PDB file of all heavy atoms in Angstrom:
ATOM      1  N   GLN A   1    -241.771 -81.066 -21.243  1.00  0.00           N
ATOM      2  CA  GLN A   1    -241.495 -82.554 -21.544  1.00  0.00           C
ATOM      3  C   GLN A   1    -242.676 -83.325 -22.202  1.00  0.00           C
ATOM      4  O   GLN A   1    -242.473 -84.028 -23.104  1.00  0.00           O
ATOM      5  CB  GLN A   1    -240.979 -83.259 -20.352  1.00  0.00           C
ATOM      6  CG  GLN A   1    -239.539 -82.792 -19.974  1.00  0.00           C
ATOM      7  CD  GLN A   1    -238.631 -82.786 -21.149  1.00  0.00           C
ATOM      8  OE1 GLN A   1    -238.558 -83.838 -21.953  1.00  0.00           O
ATOM      9  NE2 GLN A   1    -237.821 -81.833 -21.443  1.00  0.00           N
ATOM     10  N   GLU A   2    -243.881 -83.087 -21.673  1.00  0.00           N
ATOM     11  CA  GLU A   2    -244.998 -83.682 -22.133  1.00  0.00           C
ATOM     12  C   GLU A   2    -245.303 -83.240 -23.604  1.00  0.00           C
ATOM     13  O   GLU A   2    -245.650 -84.046 -24.549  1.00  0.00           O
ATOM     14  CB  GLU A   2    -246.247 -83.339 -21.373  1.00  0.00           C
ATOM     15  CG  GLU A   2    -246.426 -84.068 -20.109  1.00  0.00           C
ATOM     16  CD  GLU A   2    -247.647 -83.681 -19.198  1.00  0.00           C
ATOM     17  OE1 GLU A   2    -248.647 -83.592 -19.898  1.00  0.00           O
ATOM     18  OE2 GLU A   2    -247.548 -83.641 -18.027  1.00  0.00           O
ATOM     19  N   VAL A   3    -245.110 -81.905 -23.925  1.00  0.00           N
ATOM     20  CA  VAL A   3    -245.331 -81.401 -25.251  1.00  0.00           C
ATOM     21  C   VAL A   3    -244.233 -81.963 -26.257  1.00  0.00           C
ATOM     22  O   VAL A   3    -244.576 -82.454 -27.353  1.00  0.00           O
ATOM     23  CB  VAL A   3    -245.252 -79.893 -25.232  1.00  0.00           C
ATOM     24  CG1 VAL A   3    -245.239 -79.347 -26.633  1.00  0.00           C
ATOM     25  CG2 VAL A   3    -246.441 -79.260 -24.486  1.00  0.00           C
ATOM     26  N   VAL A   4    -243.085 -82.027 -25.806  1.00  0.00           N
ATOM     27  CA  VAL A   4    -241.906 -82.584 -26.620  1.00  0.00           C
ATOM     28  C   VAL A   4    -242.229 -84.071 -26.902  1.00  0.00           C
ATOM     29  O   VAL A   4    -242.123 -84.542 -28.045  1.00  0.00           O
ATOM     30  CB  VAL A   4    -240.512 -82.476 -25.929  1.00  0.00           C
ATOM     31  CG1 VAL A   4    -239.544 -83.293 -26.612  1.00  0.00           C
ATOM     32  CG2 VAL A   4    -240.089 -80.985 -25.803  1.00  0.00           C
ATOM     33  N   SER A   5    -242.645 -84.766 -25.905  1.00  0.00           N
ATOM     34  CA  SER A   5    -242.931 -86.194 -26.071  1.00  0.00           C
ATOM     35  C   SER A   5    -244.121 -86.342 -27.085  1.00  0.00           C
ATOM     36  O   SER A   5    -244.105 -87.286 -27.948  1.00  0.00           O
ATOM     37  CB  SER A   5    -243.307 -86.970 -24.765  1.00  0.00           C
ATOM     38  OG  SER A   5    -242.185 -86.938 -23.945  1.00  0.00           O
ATOM     39  N   ALA A   6    -245.165 -85.608 -26.955  1.00  0.00           N
ATOM     40  CA  ALA A   6    -246.300 -85.686 -27.832  1.00  0.00           C
ATOM     41  C   ALA A   6    -245.929 -85.386 -29.235  1.00  0.00           C
ATOM     42  O   ALA A   6    -246.251 -86.105 -30.252  1.00  0.00           O
ATOM     43  CB  ALA A   6    -247.471 -84.723 -27.481  1.00  0.00           C
ATOM     44  N   ILE A   7    -245.067 -84.377 -29.592  1.00  0.00           N
ATOM     45  CA  ILE A   7    -244.544 -84.099 -30.929  1.00  0.00           C
ATOM     46  C   ILE A   7    -243.831 -85.262 -31.353  1.00  0.00           C
ATOM     47  O   ILE A   7    -243.858 -85.772 -32.491  1.00  0.00           O
ATOM     48  CB  ILE A   7    -243.801 -82.853 -30.901  1.00  0.00           C
ATOM     49  CG1 ILE A   7    -244.724 -81.613 -30.564  1.00  0.00           C
ATOM     50  CG2 ILE A   7    -243.066 -82.573 -32.146  1.00  0.00           C
ATOM     51  CD1 ILE A   7    -244.073 -80.283 -30.295  1.00  0.00           C
ATOM     52  N   ASN A   8    -242.728 -85.740 -30.576  1.00  0.00           N
ATOM     53  CA  ASN A   8    -241.840 -86.763 -30.987  1.00  0.00           C
ATOM     54  C   ASN A   8    -242.554 -88.090 -31.295  1.00  0.00           C
ATOM     55  O   ASN A   8    -242.144 -88.990 -32.070  1.00  0.00           O
ATOM     56  CB  ASN A   8    -240.671 -86.962 -30.090  1.00  0.00           C
ATOM     57  CG  ASN A   8    -239.735 -85.775 -30.131  1.00  0.00           C
ATOM     58  OD1 ASN A   8    -239.628 -85.044 -31.085  1.00  0.00           O
ATOM     59  ND2 ASN A   8    -238.950 -85.613 -28.963  1.00  0.00           N
ATOM     60  N   ALA A   9    -243.660 -88.352 -30.568  1.00  0.00           N
ATOM     61  CA  ALA A   9    -244.361 -89.667 -30.732  1.00  0.00           C
ATOM     62  C   ALA A   9    -244.915 -89.706 -32.200  1.00  0.00           C
ATOM     63  O   ALA A   9    -245.062 -90.827 -32.684  1.00  0.00           O
ATOM     64  CB  ALA A   9    -245.567 -89.645 -29.769  1.00  0.00           C
ATOM     65  N   LYS A  10    -245.244 -88.634 -32.778  1.00  0.00           N
ATOM     66  CA  LYS A  10    -245.827 -88.716 -34.083  1.00  0.00           C
ATOM     67  C   LYS A  10    -244.687 -88.496 -35.243  1.00  0.00           C
ATOM     68  O   LYS A  10    -244.993 -88.825 -36.435  1.00  0.00           O
ATOM     69  CB  LYS A  10    -246.874 -87.732 -34.302  1.00  0.00           C
ATOM     70  CG  LYS A  10    -248.116 -87.978 -33.555  1.00  0.00           C
ATOM     71  CD  LYS A  10    -249.259 -87.176 -33.907  1.00  0.00           C
ATOM     72  CE  LYS A  10    -250.608 -87.575 -33.410  1.00  0.00           C
ATOM     73  NZ  LYS A  10    -251.718 -86.978 -33.854  1.00  0.00           N
ATOM     74  N   MET A  11    -243.616 -87.989 -34.917  1.00  0.00           N
ATOM     75  CA  MET A  11    -242.494 -87.860 -35.842  1.00  0.00           C
ATOM     76  C   MET A  11    -241.831 -89.140 -36.116  1.00  0.00           C
ATOM     77  O   MET A  11    -241.393 -89.883 -35.294  1.00  0.00           O
ATOM     78  CB  MET A  11    -241.523 -86.740 -35.241  1.00  0.00           C
ATOM     79  CG  MET A  11    -240.476 -86.349 -36.434  1.00  0.00           C
ATOM     80  SD  MET A  11    -239.444 -85.100 -35.814  1.00  0.00           S
ATOM     81  CE  MET A  11    -240.539 -83.797 -35.454  1.00  0.00           C
ATOM     82  N   LYS A  12    -241.812 -89.446 -37.414  1.00  0.00           N
ATOM     83  CA  LYS A  12    -241.271 -90.749 -37.873  1.00  0.00           C
ATOM     84  C   LYS A  12    -239.710 -90.601 -38.212  1.00  0.00           C
ATOM     85  O   LYS A  12    -239.035 -91.565 -38.022  1.00  0.00           O
ATOM     86  CB  LYS A  12    -242.026 -91.263 -39.063  1.00  0.00           C
ATOM     87  CG  LYS A  12    -243.475 -91.424 -38.760  1.00  0.00           C
ATOM     88  CD  LYS A  12    -243.700 -92.584 -37.727  1.00  0.00           C
ATOM     89  CE  LYS A  12    -245.116 -92.746 -37.421  1.00  0.00           C
ATOM     90  NZ  LYS A  12    -245.338 -93.658 -36.363  1.00  0.00           N
ATOM     91  N   VAL A  13    -239.369 -89.554 -38.722  1.00  0.00           N
ATOM     92  CA  VAL A  13    -237.957 -89.354 -39.206  1.00  0.00           C
ATOM     93  C   VAL A  13    -237.349 -88.085 -38.456  1.00  0.00           C
ATOM     94  O   VAL A  13    -238.002 -87.083 -38.512  1.00  0.00           O
ATOM     95  CB  VAL A  13    -237.801 -89.140 -40.681  1.00  0.00           C
ATOM     96  CG1 VAL A  13    -236.376 -88.957 -41.116  1.00  0.00           C
ATOM     97  CG2 VAL A  13    -238.527 -90.298 -41.541  1.00  0.00           C
ATOM     98  N   GLY A  14    -236.278 -88.221 -37.797  1.00  0.00           N
ATOM     99  CA  GLY A  14    -235.767 -87.059 -36.942  1.00  0.00           C
ATOM    100  C   GLY A  14    -234.866 -86.161 -37.812  1.00  0.00           C
ATOM    101  O   GLY A  14    -233.768 -85.947 -37.341  1.00  0.00           O
ATOM    102  N   CYS A  15    -235.367 -85.756 -38.912  1.00  0.00           N
ATOM    103  CA  CYS A  15    -234.569 -84.910 -39.758  1.00  0.00           C
ATOM    104  C   CYS A  15    -234.909 -83.435 -39.375  1.00  0.00           C
ATOM    105  O   CYS A  15    -235.956 -83.041 -39.151  1.00  0.00           O
ATOM    106  CB  CYS A  15    -235.066 -85.062 -41.208  1.00  0.00           C
ATOM    107  SG  CYS A  15    -234.447 -83.976 -42.421  1.00  0.00           S
ATOM    108  N   THR A  16    -233.735 -82.622 -39.265  1.00  0.00           N
ATOM    109  CA  THR A  16    -233.835 -81.291 -38.891  1.00  0.00           C
ATOM    110  C   THR A  16    -234.053 -80.344 -40.116  1.00  0.00           C
ATOM    111  O   THR A  16    -234.247 -79.178 -39.959  1.00  0.00           O
ATOM    112  CB  THR A  16    -232.538 -80.720 -38.164  1.00  0.00           C
ATOM    113  OG1 THR A  16    -231.466 -80.921 -38.897  1.00  0.00           O
ATOM    114  CG2 THR A  16    -232.410 -81.690 -36.814  1.00  0.00           C
ATOM    115  N   GLY A  17    -233.809 -80.836 -41.245  1.00  0.00           N
ATOM    116  CA  GLY A  17    -233.946 -80.096 -42.499  1.00  0.00           C
ATOM    117  C   GLY A  17    -232.697 -79.296 -42.723  1.00  0.00           C
ATOM    118  O   GLY A  17    -232.713 -78.244 -43.455  1.00  0.00           O
ATOM    119  N   CYS A  18    -231.491 -79.531 -42.236  1.00  0.00           N
ATOM    120  CA  CYS A  18    -230.332 -78.786 -42.287  1.00  0.00           C
ATOM    121  C   CYS A  18    -229.672 -78.878 -43.645  1.00  0.00           C
ATOM    122  O   CYS A  18    -228.999 -77.975 -44.075  1.00  0.00           O
ATOM    123  CB  CYS A  18    -229.223 -79.412 -41.242  1.00  0.00           C
ATOM    124  SG  CYS A  18    -228.512 -80.885 -41.691  1.00  0.00           S
ATOM    125  N   GLY A  19    -230.081 -79.915 -44.553  1.00  0.00           N
ATOM    126  CA  GLY A  19    -229.586 -79.973 -45.841  1.00  0.00           C
ATOM    127  C   GLY A  19    -228.247 -80.517 -46.028  1.00  0.00           C
ATOM    128  O   GLY A  19    -227.526 -80.514 -47.119  1.00  0.00           O
ATOM    129  N   TYR A  20    -227.629 -81.042 -44.903  1.00  0.00           N
ATOM    130  CA  TYR A  20    -226.289 -81.658 -44.951  1.00  0.00           C
ATOM    131  C   TYR A  20    -226.266 -82.836 -46.081  1.00  0.00           C
ATOM    132  O   TYR A  20    -225.207 -83.044 -46.568  1.00  0.00           O
ATOM    133  CB  TYR A  20    -225.839 -82.164 -43.553  1.00  0.00           C
ATOM    134  CG  TYR A  20    -224.521 -82.731 -43.424  1.00  0.00           C
ATOM    135  CD1 TYR A  20    -223.400 -81.836 -43.548  1.00  0.00           C
ATOM    136  CD2 TYR A  20    -224.223 -84.143 -43.512  1.00  0.00           C
ATOM    137  CE1 TYR A  20    -222.193 -82.302 -43.492  1.00  0.00           C
ATOM    138  CE2 TYR A  20    -223.043 -84.518 -43.328  1.00  0.00           C
ATOM    139  CZ  TYR A  20    -221.913 -83.648 -43.339  1.00  0.00           C
ATOM    140  OH  TYR A  20    -220.613 -84.195 -43.292  1.00  0.00           O
ATOM    141  N   CYS A  21    -227.381 -83.471 -46.226  1.00  0.00           N
ATOM    142  CA  CYS A  21    -227.447 -84.622 -47.147  1.00  0.00           C
ATOM    143  C   CYS A  21    -227.514 -84.240 -48.588  1.00  0.00           C
ATOM    144  O   CYS A  21    -227.478 -84.996 -49.404  1.00  0.00           O
ATOM    145  CB  CYS A  21    -228.550 -85.532 -46.713  1.00  0.00           C
ATOM    146  SG  CYS A  21    -230.231 -84.692 -46.777  1.00  0.00           S
ATOM    147  N   MET A  22    -227.703 -82.865 -48.827  1.00  0.00           N
ATOM    148  CA  MET A  22    -227.774 -82.461 -50.119  1.00  0.00           C
ATOM    149  C   MET A  22    -226.435 -81.887 -50.747  1.00  0.00           C
ATOM    150  O   MET A  22    -225.646 -81.463 -49.984  1.00  0.00           O
ATOM    151  CB  MET A  22    -228.864 -81.258 -50.155  1.00  0.00           C
ATOM    152  CG  MET A  22    -230.191 -81.663 -49.653  1.00  0.00           C
ATOM    153  SD  MET A  22    -230.979 -82.985 -50.623  1.00  0.00           S
ATOM    154  CE  MET A  22    -231.478 -81.991 -52.079  1.00  0.00           C
ATOM    155  N   PRO A  23    -226.325 -81.987 -51.953  1.00  0.00           N
ATOM    156  CA  PRO A  23    -227.225 -82.424 -53.073  1.00  0.00           C
ATOM    157  C   PRO A  23    -227.213 -83.885 -53.042  1.00  0.00           C
ATOM    158  O   PRO A  23    -226.220 -84.557 -53.002  1.00  0.00           O
ATOM    159  CB  PRO A  23    -226.796 -81.756 -54.230  1.00  0.00           C
ATOM    160  CG  PRO A  23    -225.215 -81.642 -54.063  1.00  0.00           C
ATOM    161  CD  PRO A  23    -225.112 -81.347 -52.600  1.00  0.00           C
ATOM    162  N   CYS A  24    -228.376 -84.505 -53.358  1.00  0.00           N
ATOM    163  CA  CYS A  24    -228.559 -85.830 -53.536  1.00  0.00           C
ATOM    164  C   CYS A  24    -228.084 -86.183 -54.923  1.00  0.00           C
ATOM    165  O   CYS A  24    -228.486 -85.608 -55.883  1.00  0.00           O
ATOM    166  CB  CYS A  24    -230.050 -86.282 -53.238  1.00  0.00           C
ATOM    167  SG  CYS A  24    -230.266 -88.101 -53.726  1.00  0.00           S
ATOM    168  N   PRO A  25    -227.266 -87.298 -55.039  1.00  0.00           N
ATOM    169  CA  PRO A  25    -226.859 -87.599 -56.405  1.00  0.00           C
ATOM    170  C   PRO A  25    -227.963 -88.194 -57.247  1.00  0.00           C
ATOM    171  O   PRO A  25    -227.931 -88.101 -58.597  1.00  0.00           O
ATOM    172  CB  PRO A  25    -225.828 -88.795 -56.234  1.00  0.00           C
ATOM    173  CG  PRO A  25    -226.067 -89.312 -54.873  1.00  0.00           C
ATOM    174  CD  PRO A  25    -226.631 -88.184 -54.086  1.00  0.00           C
ATOM    175  N   LYS A  26    -229.099 -88.506 -56.732  1.00  0.00           N
ATOM    176  CA  LYS A  26    -230.368 -88.973 -57.478  1.00  0.00           C
ATOM    177  C   LYS A  26    -231.330 -87.814 -57.656  1.00  0.00           C
ATOM    178  O   LYS A  26    -232.364 -88.000 -57.987  1.00  0.00           O
ATOM    179  CB  LYS A  26    -230.879 -90.222 -56.932  1.00  0.00           C
ATOM    180  CG  LYS A  26    -229.962 -91.366 -56.920  1.00  0.00           C
ATOM    181  CD  LYS A  26    -229.696 -91.874 -58.188  1.00  0.00           C
ATOM    182  CE  LYS A  26    -228.844 -93.111 -58.089  1.00  0.00           C
ATOM    183  NZ  LYS A  26    -228.517 -93.755 -59.481  1.00  0.00           N
ATOM    184  N   ASN A  27    -230.895 -86.559 -57.220  1.00  0.00           N
ATOM    185  CA  ASN A  27    -231.801 -85.402 -57.316  1.00  0.00           C
ATOM    186  C   ASN A  27    -233.085 -85.516 -56.509  1.00  0.00           C
ATOM    187  O   ASN A  27    -234.077 -84.989 -56.898  1.00  0.00           O
ATOM    188  CB  ASN A  27    -232.245 -85.056 -58.740  1.00  0.00           C
ATOM    189  CG  ASN A  27    -230.997 -84.659 -59.529  1.00  0.00           C
ATOM    190  OD1 ASN A  27    -230.097 -83.977 -58.941  1.00  0.00           O
ATOM    191  ND2 ASN A  27    -230.796 -85.108 -60.775  1.00  0.00           N
ATOM    192  N   VAL A  28    -233.045 -86.219 -55.349  1.00  0.00           N
ATOM    193  CA  VAL A  28    -234.111 -86.345 -54.430  1.00  0.00           C
ATOM    194  C   VAL A  28    -233.980 -85.218 -53.349  1.00  0.00           C
ATOM    195  O   VAL A  28    -232.915 -84.986 -52.813  1.00  0.00           O
ATOM    196  CB  VAL A  28    -234.098 -87.683 -53.758  1.00  0.00           C
ATOM    197  CG1 VAL A  28    -235.229 -87.750 -52.676  1.00  0.00           C
ATOM    198  CG2 VAL A  28    -234.281 -88.772 -54.750  1.00  0.00           C
TER     199      VAL A  28
END
């Protein structure tokens, strides 16, 4: 839990990289 908290403390966006938001209509 300490390790998870340390990692999450610095993570600003909780994106898993699944790609569900793709393709972006603006090609981002």
